[in-house]
Amino acid sequence: MQERGASEEEIQSAIENGRVIPAKFGRKTYGMTFPYGRHWQEQFYENKHIEVYGVEEGDDIIVVTVVVKYF
């Protein structure tokens, strides 16, 4: 997660407060845009969008992968 630029708090926030979209294989995508206003890999970006792909198992959500997009 760290190497992609997403913190655990941002992932948790995306799951709890983000937009939910059905994904393949019974999974869900939890997406949320955050203000960023910093450099990432020598490029300046105003925002970053985090997509968390996970599957619900009972009351838990198992995170499969996290995608971070800067813009």
C-alpha atoms as a PDB file:
ATOM      1  CA  MET A   1       0.000   0.000   0.000  1.00  0.00           C
ATOM      2  CA  GLN A   2       2.763   2.426   0.918  1.00  0.00           C
ATOM      3  CA  GLU A   3       4.616   1.989  -2.383  1.00  0.00           C
ATOM      4  CA  ARG A   4       1.400   2.867  -4.225  1.00  0.00           C
ATOM      5  CA  GLY A   5       0.865   5.966  -2.098  1.00  0.00           C
ATOM      6  CA  ALA A   6      -2.167   4.891  -0.054  1.00  0.00           C
ATOM      7  CA  SER A   7      -2.262   4.966   3.732  1.00  0.00           C
ATOM      8  CA  GLU A   8      -4.261   2.571   5.852  1.00  0.00           C
ATOM      9  CA  GLU A   9      -6.443   5.481   6.989  1.00  0.00           C
ATOM     10  CA  GLU A  10      -7.261   6.454   3.393  1.00  0.00           C
ATOM     11  CA  ILE A  11      -8.138   2.869   2.531  1.00  0.00           C
ATOM     12  CA  GLN A  12     -10.397   2.616   5.567  1.00  0.00           C
ATOM     13  CA  SER A  13     -12.056   5.924   4.664  1.00  0.00           C
ATOM     14  CA  ALA A  14     -12.640   4.778   1.071  1.00  0.00           C
ATOM     15  CA  ILE A  15     -14.291   1.592   2.329  1.00  0.00           C
ATOM     16  CA  GLU A  16     -16.475   3.383   4.893  1.00  0.00           C
ATOM     17  CA  ASN A  17     -17.332   6.581   2.984  1.00  0.00           C
ATOM     18  CA  GLY A  18     -16.530   6.007  -0.686  1.00  0.00           C
ATOM     19  CA  ARG A  19     -18.588   5.086  -3.691  1.00  0.00           C
ATOM     20  CA  VAL A  20     -19.287   1.344  -3.994  1.00  0.00           C
ATOM     21  CA  ILE A  21     -19.345  -0.328  -7.399  1.00  0.00           C
ATOM     22  CA  PRO A  22     -19.865  -4.065  -8.056  1.00  0.00           C
ATOM     23  CA  ALA A  23     -16.802  -5.771  -9.544  1.00  0.00           C
ATOM     24  CA  LYS A  24     -16.079  -9.186 -11.058  1.00  0.00           C
ATOM     25  CA  PHE A  25     -16.161 -12.414  -9.070  1.00  0.00           C
ATOM     26  CA  GLY A  26     -18.510 -11.081  -6.390  1.00  0.00           C
ATOM     27  CA  ARG A  27     -16.087  -8.369  -5.317  1.00  0.00           C
ATOM     28  CA  LYS A  28     -16.744  -4.686  -4.793  1.00  0.00           C
ATOM     29  CA  THR A  29     -14.769  -1.562  -5.613  1.00  0.00           C
ATOM     30  CA  TYR A  30     -14.723   1.193  -3.004  1.00  0.00           C
ATOM     31  CA  GLY A  31     -13.573   4.483  -4.544  1.00  0.00           C
ATOM     32  CA  MET A  32     -12.841   7.888  -3.097  1.00  0.00           C
ATOM     33  CA  THR A  33     -10.947  11.009  -4.204  1.00  0.00           C
ATOM     34  CA  PHE A  34      -8.693  12.818  -1.741  1.00  0.00           C
ATOM     35  CA  PRO A  35      -7.049  16.248  -2.013  1.00  0.00           C
ATOM     36  CA  TYR A  36      -3.316  15.718  -2.422  1.00  0.00           C
ATOM     37  CA  GLY A  37      -1.446  18.906  -3.412  1.00  0.00           C
ATOM     38  CA  ARG A  38       2.039  17.342  -3.393  1.00  0.00           C
ATOM     39  CA  HIS A  39       4.636  15.692  -5.558  1.00  0.00           C
ATOM     40  CA  TRP A  40       4.543  11.982  -6.322  1.00  0.00           C
ATOM     41  CA  GLN A  41       7.460  10.540  -8.287  1.00  0.00           C
ATOM     42  CA  GLU A  42       8.701  14.010  -9.293  1.00  0.00           C
ATOM     43  CA  GLN A  43       5.296  15.169 -10.609  1.00  0.00           C
ATOM     44  CA  PHE A  44       2.877  17.545  -8.829  1.00  0.00           C
ATOM     45  CA  TYR A  45      -0.729  16.395  -8.397  1.00  0.00           C
ATOM     46  CA  GLU A  46      -3.727  18.167  -6.882  1.00  0.00           C
ATOM     47  CA  ASN A  47      -5.760  15.022  -6.127  1.00  0.00           C
ATOM     48  CA  LYS A  48      -5.485  11.279  -5.807  1.00  0.00           C
ATOM     49  CA  HIS A  49      -8.205   8.679  -6.287  1.00  0.00           C
ATOM     50  CA  ILE A  50      -8.059   5.449  -4.338  1.00  0.00           C
ATOM     51  CA  GLU A  51      -9.861   2.311  -5.506  1.00  0.00           C
ATOM     52  CA  VAL A  52     -10.005  -0.558  -3.038  1.00  0.00           C
ATOM     53  CA  TYR A  53     -10.984  -3.941  -4.462  1.00  0.00           C
ATOM     54  CA  GLY A  54     -12.349  -6.280  -1.836  1.00  0.00           C
ATOM     55  CA  VAL A  55     -14.701  -9.106  -1.031  1.00  0.00           C
ATOM     56  CA  GLU A  56     -17.127  -9.217   1.863  1.00  0.00           C
ATOM     57  CA  GLU A  57     -16.882 -12.237   4.143  1.00  0.00           C
ATOM     58  CA  GLY A  58     -19.430 -11.951   6.915  1.00  0.00           C
ATOM     59  CA  ASP A  59     -18.869  -8.629   8.662  1.00  0.00           C
ATOM     60  CA  ASP A  60     -15.324  -8.330   7.290  1.00  0.00           C
ATOM     61  CA  ILE A  61     -13.983  -6.943   4.029  1.00  0.00           C
ATOM     62  CA  ILE A  62     -10.924  -8.717   2.667  1.00  0.00           C
ATOM     63  CA  VAL A  63      -8.857  -6.237   0.621  1.00  0.00           C
ATOM     64  CA  VAL A  64      -7.611  -7.856  -2.579  1.00  0.00           C
ATOM     65  CA  THR A  65      -5.742  -4.895  -4.075  1.00  0.00           C
ATOM     66  CA  VAL A  66      -5.509  -1.116  -3.991  1.00  0.00           C
ATOM     67  CA  VAL A  67      -5.122   1.152  -7.043  1.00  0.00           C
ATOM     68  CA  VAL A  68      -4.079   4.799  -6.661  1.00  0.00           C
ATOM     69  CA  LYS A  69      -4.499   7.287  -9.491  1.00  0.00           C
ATOM     70  CA  TYR A  70      -3.018  10.781  -9.309  1.00  0.00           C
ATOM     71  CA  PHE A  71      -4.378  13.756 -11.220  1.00  0.00           C
END
